[in-house]
C-alpha atoms as a PDB file:
ATOM      1  CA  UNK A   1      -8.940  -1.070  33.861  1.00  0.00           C
ATOM      2  CA  UNK A   2      -8.961  -0.008  30.365  1.00  0.00           C
ATOM      3  CA  UNK A   3     -10.903  -2.304  27.566  1.00  0.00           C
ATOM      4  CA  UNK A   4      -9.248  -3.971  25.356  1.00  0.00           C
ATOM      5  CA  UNK A   5     -11.029  -5.215  22.428  1.00  0.00           C
ATOM      6  CA  UNK A   6     -10.214  -8.786  21.949  1.00  0.00           C
ATOM      7  CA  UNK A   7      -9.238  -8.061  17.661  1.00  0.00           C
ATOM      8  CA  UNK A   8      -6.633  -6.041  18.871  1.00  0.00           C
ATOM      9  CA  UNK A   9      -3.031  -8.093  19.286  1.00  0.00           C
ATOM     10  CA  UNK A  10      -1.411  -4.840  20.118  1.00  0.00           C
ATOM     11  CA  UNK A  11      -1.576  -4.449  24.430  1.00  0.00           C
ATOM     12  CA  UNK A  12      -0.284  -8.911  24.175  1.00  0.00           C
ATOM     13  CA  UNK A  13       3.536  -7.671  22.624  1.00  0.00           C
ATOM     14  CA  UNK A  14       3.073  -4.366  24.574  1.00  0.00           C
ATOM     15  CA  UNK A  15       2.313  -4.760  28.082  1.00  0.00           C
ATOM     16  CA  UNK A  16       2.878  -6.541  30.981  1.00  0.00           C
ATOM     17  CA  UNK A  17       0.331  -9.644  30.455  1.00  0.00           C
ATOM     18  CA  UNK A  18      -0.165  -9.502  34.884  1.00  0.00           C
ATOM     19  CA  UNK A  19      -2.095  -6.923  34.031  1.00  0.00           C
ATOM     20  CA  UNK A  20      -3.881  -7.527  31.117  1.00  0.00           C
ATOM     21  CA  UNK A  21      -7.612  -8.639  31.821  1.00  0.00           C
ATOM     22  CA  UNK A  22      -7.864 -12.294  32.027  1.00  0.00           C
ATOM     23  CA  UNK A  23     -10.324 -12.921  29.063  1.00  0.00           C
ATOM     24  CA  UNK A  24      -8.188 -11.116  26.682  1.00  0.00           C
ATOM     25  CA  UNK A  25      -5.082 -13.163  27.864  1.00  0.00           C
ATOM     26  CA  UNK A  26      -7.368 -16.190  27.433  1.00  0.00           C
ATOM     27  CA  UNK A  27      -8.495 -15.054  23.855  1.00  0.00           C
ATOM     28  CA  UNK A  28      -4.910 -14.588  22.548  1.00  0.00           C
ATOM     29  CA  UNK A  29      -4.066 -18.038  23.653  1.00  0.00           C
ATOM     30  CA  UNK A  30      -7.232 -19.469  22.165  1.00  0.00           C
ATOM     31  CA  UNK A  31      -5.820 -17.129  18.957  1.00  0.00           C
ATOM     32  CA  UNK A  32      -2.479 -18.253  19.134  1.00  0.00           C
ATOM     33  CA  UNK A  33      -2.799 -22.191  19.455  1.00  0.00           C
ATOM     34  CA  UNK A  34      -5.090 -22.440  16.618  1.00  0.00           C
ATOM     35  CA  UNK A  35      -2.407 -20.132  14.649  1.00  0.00           C
ATOM     36  CA  UNK A  36       0.362 -22.710  15.862  1.00  0.00           C
ATOM     37  CA  UNK A  37      -2.279 -25.819  14.279  1.00  0.00           C
ATOM     38  CA  UNK A  38      -3.202 -24.232  11.333  1.00  0.00           C
ATOM     39  CA  UNK A  39       0.674 -23.986  10.487  1.00  0.00           C
ATOM     40  CA  UNK A  40       0.982 -27.428  11.154  1.00  0.00           C
ATOM     41  CA  UNK A  41      -2.089 -28.482   8.950  1.00  0.00           C
ATOM     42  CA  UNK A  42      -0.845 -26.408   6.180  1.00  0.00           C
ATOM     43  CA  UNK A  43      -3.448 -23.514   6.325  1.00  0.00           C
ATOM     44  CA  UNK A  44      -2.891 -21.953   3.292  1.00  0.00           C
ATOM     45  CA  UNK A  45      -4.220 -17.525   3.316  1.00  0.00           C
ATOM     46  CA  UNK A  46      -7.108 -17.148   1.110  1.00  0.00           C
ATOM     47  CA  UNK A  47      -5.245 -14.516  -1.144  1.00  0.00           C
ATOM     48  CA  UNK A  48      -2.375 -17.054  -1.040  1.00  0.00           C
ATOM     49  CA  UNK A  49      -3.090 -17.953  -5.352  1.00  0.00           C
ATOM     50  CA  UNK A  50       0.070 -18.006  -7.943  1.00  0.00           C
ATOM     51  CA  UNK A  51       1.403 -14.541  -8.906  1.00  0.00           C
ATOM     52  CA  UNK A  52       2.765 -14.387 -12.590  1.00  0.00           C
ATOM     53  CA  UNK A  53       5.978 -14.057 -12.123  1.00  0.00           C
ATOM     54  CA  UNK A  54       8.182 -10.755 -13.905  1.00  0.00           C
ATOM     55  CA  UNK A  55       9.792 -12.746 -16.648  1.00  0.00           C
ATOM     56  CA  UNK A  56       5.815 -13.829 -18.262  1.00  0.00           C
ATOM     57  CA  UNK A  57       4.353 -10.324 -17.532  1.00  0.00           C
ATOM     58  CA  UNK A  58       7.348  -9.299 -19.408  1.00  0.00           C
ATOM     59  CA  UNK A  59       6.785 -11.734 -22.123  1.00  0.00           C
ATOM     60  CA  UNK A  60       2.663 -11.019 -22.256  1.00  0.00           C
ATOM     61  CA  UNK A  61       3.594  -7.678 -22.717  1.00  0.00           C
ATOM     62  CA  UNK A  62       5.569  -8.239 -25.746  1.00  0.00           C
ATOM     63  CA  UNK A  63       2.876 -10.703 -27.044  1.00  0.00           C
ATOM     64  CA  UNK A  64       0.408  -8.302 -26.783  1.00  0.00           C
ATOM     65  CA  UNK A  65       2.742  -5.688 -28.875  1.00  0.00           C
ATOM     66  CA  UNK A  66       3.147  -7.957 -31.688  1.00  0.00           C
END
């Protein structure tokens, strides 16, 4: 049986779960449960900060050119 990297989710979506190693399947299930819990608690990604809209960027450029 080919070794599967536990950080690689591709086999979870592309292969029959019955052919995957039990440890890998359990690891994926735990990850998806954790992800579901984070979603319920309003988890935000670390880089999820407010971005300037294009209008604000245009105003800044105009203001700097005056």
